Amino acid sequence: MSELKVDEQGRYVGGDIPLGYTLWGERLVEVPAELDACVSIIRLVKQGKEYPQIAAAVREEHKVELSNPQFDGLMESVYRRYGPVC
């Protein structure tokens, strides 16, 4: 995934839009179902689940399709901010 870029006014400039957000005009806005899915994803990773199990659970519970790049991007973001999940 390419790094998200926004300008000083908070407008989207480029890069991949992270799971939990979408573009509305030039601004990123939250997608509640995807943000809820992010919490579930982290919980399932802490339980030792792998990507295929996590993607299936998120699809069933939140009706969110989780791609492998989205999963990897979320895990990289969590690691950068908080360190290892497990």
PDB file of N, CA and C in Angstrom:
ATOM      1  N   MET A   1       0.843  -1.170   0.000  1.00  0.00           N
ATOM      2  CA  MET A   1       0.000   0.000   0.000  1.00  0.00           C
ATOM      3  C   MET A   1       0.892   1.238   0.000  1.00  0.00           C
ATOM      4  N   SER A   2       0.444   2.267  -0.710  1.00  0.00           N
ATOM      5  CA  SER A   2       1.210   3.514  -0.727  1.00  0.00           C
ATOM      6  C   SER A   2       0.734   4.421   0.407  1.00  0.00           C
ATOM      7  N   GLU A   3       1.646   5.206   0.923  1.00  0.00           N
ATOM      8  CA  GLU A   3       1.358   6.055   2.075  1.00  0.00           C
ATOM      9  C   GLU A   3       0.316   7.122   1.747  1.00  0.00           C
ATOM     10  N   LEU A   4      -0.628   7.289   2.646  1.00  0.00           N
ATOM     11  CA  LEU A   4      -1.670   8.303   2.512  1.00  0.00           C
ATOM     12  C   LEU A   4      -1.039   9.686   2.598  1.00  0.00           C
ATOM     13  N   LYS A   5      -1.484  10.592   1.717  1.00  0.00           N
ATOM     14  CA  LYS A   5      -0.966  11.964   1.726  1.00  0.00           C
ATOM     15  C   LYS A   5      -2.139  12.937   1.782  1.00  0.00           C
ATOM     16  N   VAL A   6      -2.030  13.893   2.712  1.00  0.00           N
ATOM     17  CA  VAL A   6      -3.012  14.972   2.817  1.00  0.00           C
ATOM     18  C   VAL A   6      -2.240  16.285   2.923  1.00  0.00           C
ATOM     19  N   ASP A   7      -2.862  17.376   2.458  1.00  0.00           N
ATOM     20  CA  ASP A   7      -2.184  18.680   2.550  1.00  0.00           C
ATOM     21  C   ASP A   7      -2.456  19.330   3.911  1.00  0.00           C
ATOM     22  N   GLU A   8      -1.953  20.547   4.099  1.00  0.00           N
ATOM     23  CA  GLU A   8      -2.094  21.229   5.391  1.00  0.00           C
ATOM     24  C   GLU A   8      -3.546  21.484   5.781  1.00  0.00           C
ATOM     25  N   GLN A   9      -4.420  21.582   4.786  1.00  0.00           N
ATOM     26  CA  GLN A   9      -5.838  21.811   5.064  1.00  0.00           C
ATOM     27  C   GLN A   9      -6.606  20.497   5.258  1.00  0.00           C
ATOM     28  N   GLY A  10      -5.895  19.373   5.221  1.00  0.00           N
ATOM     29  CA  GLY A  10      -6.543  18.084   5.439  1.00  0.00           C
ATOM     30  C   GLY A  10      -7.172  17.489   4.198  1.00  0.00           C
ATOM     31  N   ARG A  11      -6.883  18.069   3.018  1.00  0.00           N
ATOM     32  CA  ARG A  11      -7.443  17.527   1.774  1.00  0.00           C
ATOM     33  C   ARG A  11      -6.597  16.365   1.275  1.00  0.00           C
ATOM     34  N   TYR A  12      -7.268  15.369   0.739  1.00  0.00           N
ATOM     35  CA  TYR A  12      -6.603  14.190   0.188  1.00  0.00           C
ATOM     36  C   TYR A  12      -5.752  14.586  -1.012  1.00  0.00           C
ATOM     37  N   VAL A  13      -4.507  14.125  -1.028  1.00  0.00           N
ATOM     38  CA  VAL A  13      -3.590  14.427  -2.120  1.00  0.00           C
ATOM     39  C   VAL A  13      -3.239  13.155  -2.888  1.00  0.00           C
ATOM     40  N   GLY A  14      -3.121  12.026  -2.198  1.00  0.00           N
ATOM     41  CA  GLY A  14      -2.774  10.784  -2.875  1.00  0.00           C
ATOM     42  C   GLY A  14      -2.523   9.657  -1.890  1.00  0.00           C
ATOM     43  N   GLY A  15      -2.191   8.510  -2.445  1.00  0.00           N
ATOM     44  CA  GLY A  15      -1.924   7.328  -1.640  1.00  0.00           C
ATOM     45  C   GLY A  15      -3.182   6.503  -1.432  1.00  0.00           C
ATOM     46  N   ASP A  16      -2.981   5.349  -0.814  1.00  0.00           N
ATOM     47  CA  ASP A  16      -4.100   4.445  -0.561  1.00  0.00           C
ATOM     48  C   ASP A  16      -4.945   4.943   0.608  1.00  0.00           C
ATOM     49  N   ILE A  17      -6.237   4.868   0.428  1.00  0.00           N
ATOM     50  CA  ILE A  17      -7.171   5.271   1.472  1.00  0.00           C
ATOM     51  C   ILE A  17      -7.297   4.107   2.452  1.00  0.00           C
ATOM     52  N   PRO A  18      -7.051   4.340   3.728  1.00  0.00           N
ATOM     53  CA  PRO A  18      -7.059   3.236   4.692  1.00  0.00           C
ATOM     54  C   PRO A  18      -8.453   2.685   4.943  1.00  0.00           C
ATOM     55  N   LEU A  19      -8.470   1.432   5.355  1.00  0.00           N
ATOM     56  CA  LEU A  19      -9.703   0.788   5.763  1.00  0.00           C
ATOM     57  C   LEU A  19     -10.344   1.625   6.863  1.00  0.00           C
ATOM     58  N   GLY A  20     -11.635   1.868   6.737  1.00  0.00           N
ATOM     59  CA  GLY A  20     -12.344   2.680   7.723  1.00  0.00           C
ATOM     60  C   GLY A  20     -12.650   4.083   7.233  1.00  0.00           C
ATOM     61  N   TYR A  21     -12.142   4.416   6.045  1.00  0.00           N
ATOM     62  CA  TYR A  21     -12.342   5.758   5.487  1.00  0.00           C
ATOM     63  C   TYR A  21     -12.682   5.682   4.004  1.00  0.00           C
ATOM     64  N   THR A  22     -13.308   6.723   3.504  1.00  0.00           N
ATOM     65  CA  THR A  22     -13.572   6.874   2.082  1.00  0.00           C
ATOM     66  C   THR A  22     -13.461   8.354   1.741  1.00  0.00           C
ATOM     67  N   LEU A  23     -13.394   8.629   0.472  1.00  0.00           N
ATOM     68  CA  LEU A  23     -13.325  10.027   0.039  1.00  0.00           C
ATOM     69  C   LEU A  23     -14.720  10.593  -0.130  1.00  0.00           C
ATOM     70  N   TRP A  24     -14.896  11.807   0.333  1.00  0.00           N
ATOM     71  CA  TRP A  24     -16.106  12.583   0.092  1.00  0.00           C
ATOM     72  C   TRP A  24     -15.618  13.926  -0.412  1.00  0.00           C
ATOM     73  N   GLY A  25     -15.670  14.101  -1.712  1.00  0.00           N
ATOM     74  CA  GLY A  25     -15.046  15.265  -2.317  1.00  0.00           C
ATOM     75  C   GLY A  25     -13.543  15.123  -2.182  1.00  0.00           C
ATOM     76  N   GLU A  26     -12.906  16.086  -1.527  1.00  0.00           N
ATOM     77  CA  GLU A  26     -11.457  16.034  -1.303  1.00  0.00           C
ATOM     78  C   GLU A  26     -11.094  15.633   0.123  1.00  0.00           C
ATOM     79  N   ARG A  27     -12.082  15.244   0.899  1.00  0.00           N
ATOM     80  CA  ARG A  27     -11.860  14.930   2.318  1.00  0.00           C
ATOM     81  C   ARG A  27     -12.082  13.447   2.592  1.00  0.00           C
ATOM     82  N   LEU A  28     -11.341  12.948   3.574  1.00  0.00           N
ATOM     83  CA  LEU A  28     -11.566  11.596   4.056  1.00  0.00           C
ATOM     84  C   LEU A  28     -12.662  11.637   5.105  1.00  0.00           C
ATOM     85  N   VAL A  29     -13.596  10.713   5.001  1.00  0.00           N
ATOM     86  CA  VAL A  29     -14.656  10.607   6.002  1.00  0.00           C
ATOM     87  C   VAL A  29     -14.687   9.162   6.507  1.00  0.00           C
ATOM     88  N   GLU A  30     -15.143   9.011   7.731  1.00  0.00           N
ATOM     89  CA  GLU A  30     -15.200   7.691   8.357  1.00  0.00           C
ATOM     90  C   GLU A  30     -16.318   6.847   7.762  1.00  0.00           C
ATOM     91  N   VAL A  31     -16.050   5.541   7.681  1.00  0.00           N
ATOM     92  CA  VAL A  31     -17.053   4.544   7.296  1.00  0.00           C
ATOM     93  C   VAL A  31     -17.263   3.683   8.548  1.00  0.00           C
ATOM     94  N   PRO A  32     -18.350   3.933   9.292  1.00  0.00           N
ATOM     95  CA  PRO A  32     -18.529   3.271  10.588  1.00  0.00           C
ATOM     96  C   PRO A  32     -18.399   1.747  10.558  1.00  0.00           C
ATOM     97  N   ALA A  33     -18.989   1.081   9.588  1.00  0.00           N
ATOM     98  CA  ALA A  33     -18.914  -0.384   9.536  1.00  0.00           C
ATOM     99  C   ALA A  33     -17.473  -0.849   9.387  1.00  0.00           C
ATOM    100  N   GLU A  34     -16.684  -0.122   8.597  1.00  0.00           N
ATOM    101  CA  GLU A  34     -15.283  -0.494   8.409  1.00  0.00           C
ATOM    102  C   GLU A  34     -14.453  -0.209   9.655  1.00  0.00           C
ATOM    103  N   LEU A  35     -14.748   0.885  10.348  1.00  0.00           N
ATOM    104  CA  LEU A  35     -14.028   1.173  11.597  1.00  0.00           C
ATOM    105  C   LEU A  35     -14.341   0.118  12.656  1.00  0.00           C
ATOM    106  N   ASP A  36     -15.605  -0.301  12.728  1.00  0.00           N
ATOM    107  CA  ASP A  36     -15.973  -1.396  13.639  1.00  0.00           C
ATOM    108  C   ASP A  36     -15.235  -2.670  13.248  1.00  0.00           C
ATOM    109  N   ALA A  37     -15.114  -2.914  11.938  1.00  0.00           N
ATOM    110  CA  ALA A  37     -14.404  -4.095  11.452  1.00  0.00           C
ATOM    111  C   ALA A  37     -12.934  -4.041  11.879  1.00  0.00           C
ATOM    112  N   CYS A  38     -12.340  -2.860  11.876  1.00  0.00           N
ATOM    113  CA  CYS A  38     -10.933  -2.718  12.292  1.00  0.00           C
ATOM    114  C   CYS A  38     -10.743  -3.195  13.729  1.00  0.00           C
ATOM    115  N   VAL A  39     -11.672  -2.858  14.592  1.00  0.00           N
ATOM    116  CA  VAL A  39     -11.599  -3.295  15.990  1.00  0.00           C
ATOM    117  C   VAL A  39     -11.671  -4.820  16.054  1.00  0.00           C
ATOM    118  N   SER A  40     -12.581  -5.394  15.280  1.00  0.00           N
ATOM    119  CA  SER A  40     -12.715  -6.859  15.252  1.00  0.00           C
ATOM    120  C   SER A  40     -11.456  -7.514  14.698  1.00  0.00           C
ATOM    121  N   ILE A  41     -10.877  -6.908  13.664  1.00  0.00           N
ATOM    122  CA  ILE A  41      -9.661  -7.458  13.065  1.00  0.00           C
ATOM    123  C   ILE A  41      -8.542  -7.531  14.101  1.00  0.00           C
ATOM    124  N   ILE A  42      -8.341  -6.454  14.830  1.00  0.00           N
ATOM    125  CA  ILE A  42      -7.279  -6.429  15.840  1.00  0.00           C
ATOM    126  C   ILE A  42      -7.558  -7.466  16.928  1.00  0.00           C
ATOM    127  N   ARG A  43      -8.802  -7.569  17.340  1.00  0.00           N
ATOM    128  CA  ARG A  43      -9.179  -8.578  18.354  1.00  0.00           C
ATOM    129  C   ARG A  43      -8.862  -9.983  17.849  1.00  0.00           C
ATOM    130  N   LEU A  44      -9.212 -10.269  16.596  1.00  0.00           N
ATOM    131  CA  LEU A  44      -8.981 -11.600  16.036  1.00  0.00           C
ATOM    132  C   LEU A  44      -7.488 -11.890  15.860  1.00  0.00           C
ATOM    133  N   VAL A  45      -6.707 -10.877  15.502  1.00  0.00           N
ATOM    134  CA  VAL A  45      -5.254 -11.061  15.411  1.00  0.00           C
ATOM    135  C   VAL A  45      -4.706 -11.417  16.792  1.00  0.00           C
ATOM    136  N   LYS A  46      -5.174 -10.722  17.822  1.00  0.00           N
ATOM    137  CA  LYS A  46      -4.722 -11.006  19.186  1.00  0.00           C
ATOM    138  C   LYS A  46      -5.085 -12.427  19.614  1.00  0.00           C
ATOM    139  N   GLN A  47      -6.156 -12.966  19.025  1.00  0.00           N
ATOM    140  CA  GLN A  47      -6.572 -14.339  19.328  1.00  0.00           C
ATOM    141  C   GLN A  47      -5.787 -15.365  18.502  1.00  0.00           C
ATOM    142  N   GLY A  48      -4.892 -14.882  17.639  1.00  0.00           N
ATOM    143  CA  GLY A  48      -4.060 -15.793  16.864  1.00  0.00           C
ATOM    144  C   GLY A  48      -4.640 -16.224  15.529  1.00  0.00           C
ATOM    145  N   LYS A  49      -5.713 -15.575  15.099  1.00  0.00           N
ATOM    146  CA  LYS A  49      -6.333 -15.929  13.819  1.00  0.00           C
ATOM    147  C   LYS A  49      -5.481 -15.422  12.660  1.00  0.00           C
ATOM    148  N   GLU A  50      -5.575 -16.107  11.532  1.00  0.00           N
ATOM    149  CA  GLU A  50      -4.859 -15.740  10.314  1.00  0.00           C
ATOM    150  C   GLU A  50      -5.797 -14.983   9.375  1.00  0.00           C
ATOM    151  N   TYR A  51      -5.193 -14.357   8.340  1.00  0.00           N
ATOM    152  CA  TYR A  51      -5.965 -13.524   7.410  1.00  0.00           C
ATOM    153  C   TYR A  51      -7.221 -14.208   6.860  1.00  0.00           C
ATOM    154  N   PRO A  52      -7.157 -15.434   6.329  1.00  0.00           N
ATOM    155  CA  PRO A  52      -8.385 -16.011   5.756  1.00  0.00           C
ATOM    156  C   PRO A  52      -9.536 -16.115   6.756  1.00  0.00           C
ATOM    157  N   GLN A  53      -9.222 -16.498   7.989  1.00  0.00           N
ATOM    158  CA  GLN A  53     -10.256 -16.589   9.025  1.00  0.00           C
ATOM    159  C   GLN A  53     -10.788 -15.209   9.381  1.00  0.00           C
ATOM    160  N   ILE A  54      -9.899 -14.246   9.459  1.00  0.00           N
ATOM    161  CA  ILE A  54     -10.287 -12.884   9.803  1.00  0.00           C
ATOM    162  C   ILE A  54     -11.165 -12.285   8.712  1.00  0.00           C
ATOM    163  N   ALA A  55     -10.767 -12.458   7.455  1.00  0.00           N
ATOM    164  CA  ALA A  55     -11.557 -11.917   6.332  1.00  0.00           C
ATOM    165  C   ALA A  55     -12.964 -12.510   6.327  1.00  0.00           C
ATOM    166  N   ALA A  56     -13.072 -13.807   6.583  1.00  0.00           N
ATOM    167  CA  ALA A  56     -14.389 -14.456   6.608  1.00  0.00           C
ATOM    168  C   ALA A  56     -15.232 -13.921   7.764  1.00  0.00           C
ATOM    169  N   ALA A  57     -14.620 -13.754   8.929  1.00  0.00           N
ATOM    170  CA  ALA A  57     -15.360 -13.257  10.097  1.00  0.00           C
ATOM    171  C   ALA A  57     -15.842 -11.829   9.884  1.00  0.00           C
ATOM    172  N   VAL A  58     -14.994 -10.988   9.290  1.00  0.00           N
ATOM    173  CA  VAL A  58     -15.351  -9.585   9.049  1.00  0.00           C
ATOM    174  C   VAL A  58     -16.473  -9.506   8.006  1.00  0.00           C
ATOM    175  N   ARG A  59     -16.393 -10.351   7.000  1.00  0.00           N
ATOM    176  CA  ARG A  59     -17.444 -10.385   5.973  1.00  0.00           C
ATOM    177  C   ARG A  59     -18.780 -10.773   6.598  1.00  0.00           C
ATOM    178  N   GLU A  60     -18.756 -11.777   7.463  1.00  0.00           N
ATOM    179  CA  GLU A  60     -19.991 -12.259   8.080  1.00  0.00           C
ATOM    180  C   GLU A  60     -20.539 -11.268   9.105  1.00  0.00           C
ATOM    181  N   GLU A  61     -19.667 -10.770   9.975  1.00  0.00           N
ATOM    182  CA  GLU A  61     -20.112  -9.922  11.084  1.00  0.00           C
ATOM    183  C   GLU A  61     -20.412  -8.485  10.672  1.00  0.00           C
ATOM    184  N   HIS A  62     -19.587  -7.927   9.778  1.00  0.00           N
ATOM    185  CA  HIS A  62     -19.699  -6.501   9.455  1.00  0.00           C
ATOM    186  C   HIS A  62     -20.121  -6.228   8.012  1.00  0.00           C
ATOM    187  N   LYS A  63     -20.219  -7.284   7.201  1.00  0.00           N
ATOM    188  CA  LYS A  63     -20.554  -7.134   5.764  1.00  0.00           C
ATOM    189  C   LYS A  63     -19.510  -6.277   5.050  1.00  0.00           C
ATOM    190  N   VAL A  64     -18.243  -6.424   5.468  1.00  0.00           N
ATOM    191  CA  VAL A  64     -17.128  -5.676   4.895  1.00  0.00           C
ATOM    192  C   VAL A  64     -16.188  -6.665   4.221  1.00  0.00           C
ATOM    193  N   GLU A  65     -15.851  -6.388   2.962  1.00  0.00           N
ATOM    194  CA  GLU A  65     -14.880  -7.200   2.243  1.00  0.00           C
ATOM    195  C   GLU A  65     -13.486  -6.699   2.599  1.00  0.00           C
ATOM    196  N   LEU A  66     -12.648  -7.580   3.088  1.00  0.00           N
ATOM    197  CA  LEU A  66     -11.304  -7.231   3.526  1.00  0.00           C
ATOM    198  C   LEU A  66     -10.286  -7.855   2.579  1.00  0.00           C
ATOM    199  N   SER A  67      -9.565  -7.016   1.852  1.00  0.00           N
ATOM    200  CA  SER A  67      -8.521  -7.529   0.964  1.00  0.00           C
ATOM    201  C   SER A  67      -7.239  -7.749   1.766  1.00  0.00           C
ATOM    202  N   ASN A  68      -6.379  -8.578   1.225  1.00  0.00           N
ATOM    203  CA  ASN A  68      -5.105  -8.819   1.891  1.00  0.00           C
ATOM    204  C   ASN A  68      -4.290  -7.528   2.016  1.00  0.00           C
ATOM    205  N   PRO A  69      -4.222  -6.674   0.965  1.00  0.00           N
ATOM    206  CA  PRO A  69      -3.498  -5.405   1.131  1.00  0.00           C
ATOM    207  C   PRO A  69      -4.104  -4.493   2.206  1.00  0.00           C
ATOM    208  N   GLN A  70      -5.436  -4.474   2.331  1.00  0.00           N
ATOM    209  CA  GLN A  70      -6.060  -3.670   3.390  1.00  0.00           C
ATOM    210  C   GLN A  70      -5.666  -4.200   4.766  1.00  0.00           C
ATOM    211  N   PHE A  71      -5.685  -5.521   4.904  1.00  0.00           N
ATOM    212  CA  PHE A  71      -5.303  -6.152   6.164  1.00  0.00           C
ATOM    213  C   PHE A  71      -3.856  -5.808   6.508  1.00  0.00           C
ATOM    214  N   ASP A  72      -2.967  -5.981   5.531  1.00  0.00           N
ATOM    215  CA  ASP A  72      -1.553  -5.682   5.758  1.00  0.00           C
ATOM    216  C   ASP A  72      -1.350  -4.206   6.121  1.00  0.00           C
ATOM    217  N   GLY A  73      -2.072  -3.312   5.425  1.00  0.00           N
ATOM    218  CA  GLY A  73      -1.968  -1.885   5.717  1.00  0.00           C
ATOM    219  C   GLY A  73      -2.420  -1.549   7.116  1.00  0.00           C
ATOM    220  N   LEU A  74      -3.507  -2.160   7.555  1.00  0.00           N
ATOM    221  CA  LEU A  74      -3.997  -1.929   8.918  1.00  0.00           C
ATOM    222  C   LEU A  74      -2.981  -2.426   9.937  1.00  0.00           C
ATOM    223  N   MET A  75      -2.436  -3.607   9.714  1.00  0.00           N
ATOM    224  CA  MET A  75      -1.467  -4.163  10.657  1.00  0.00           C
ATOM    225  C   MET A  75      -0.193  -3.304  10.704  1.00  0.00           C
ATOM    226  N   GLU A  76       0.248  -2.801   9.561  1.00  0.00           N
ATOM    227  CA  GLU A  76       1.418  -1.910   9.539  1.00  0.00           C
ATOM    228  C   GLU A  76       1.142  -0.627  10.309  1.00  0.00           C
ATOM    229  N   SER A  77      -0.045  -0.068  10.120  1.00  0.00           N
ATOM    230  CA  SER A  77      -0.417   1.169  10.813  1.00  0.00           C
ATOM    231  C   SER A  77      -0.481   0.956  12.322  1.00  0.00           C
ATOM    232  N   VAL A  78      -1.096  -0.134  12.732  1.00  0.00           N
ATOM    233  CA  VAL A  78      -1.188  -0.442  14.168  1.00  0.00           C
ATOM    234  C   VAL A  78       0.207  -0.633  14.747  1.00  0.00           C
ATOM    235  N   TYR A  79       1.050  -1.368  14.022  1.00  0.00           N
ATOM    236  CA  TYR A  79       2.415  -1.614  14.507  1.00  0.00           C
ATOM    237  C   TYR A  79       3.200  -0.311  14.659  1.00  0.00           C
ATOM    238  N   ARG A  80       3.075   0.582  13.658  1.00  0.00           N
ATOM    239  CA  ARG A  80       3.805   1.867  13.725  1.00  0.00           C
ATOM    240  C   ARG A  80       3.370   2.685  14.935  1.00  0.00           C
ATOM    241  N   ARG A  81       2.096   2.661  15.248  1.00  0.00           N
ATOM    242  CA  ARG A  81       1.587   3.489  16.355  1.00  0.00           C
ATOM    243  C   ARG A  81       1.727   2.845  17.722  1.00  0.00           C
ATOM    244  N   TYR A  82       1.477   1.531  17.785  1.00  0.00           N
ATOM    245  CA  TYR A  82       1.352   0.884  19.091  1.00  0.00           C
ATOM    246  C   TYR A  82       2.338  -0.263  19.330  1.00  0.00           C
ATOM    247  N   GLY A  83       3.097  -0.639  18.320  1.00  0.00           N
ATOM    248  CA  GLY A  83       3.991  -1.780  18.458  1.00  0.00           C
ATOM    249  C   GLY A  83       3.256  -3.069  18.111  1.00  0.00           C
ATOM    250  N   PRO A  84       3.870  -4.194  18.411  1.00  0.00           N
ATOM    251  CA  PRO A  84       3.267  -5.491  18.058  1.00  0.00           C
ATOM    252  C   PRO A  84       1.895  -5.677  18.691  1.00  0.00           C
ATOM    253  N   VAL A  85       0.997  -6.283  17.925  1.00  0.00           N
ATOM    254  CA  VAL A  85      -0.362  -6.526  18.423  1.00  0.00           C
ATOM    255  C   VAL A  85      -0.361  -7.680  19.416  1.00  0.00           C
ATOM    256  N   CYS A  86       0.442  -8.684  19.153  1.00  0.00           N
ATOM    257  CA  CYS A  86       0.463  -9.873  20.046  1.00  0.00           C
ATOM    258  C   CYS A  86       1.621  -9.805  20.988  1.00  0.00           C
TER     259      CYS A  86
END
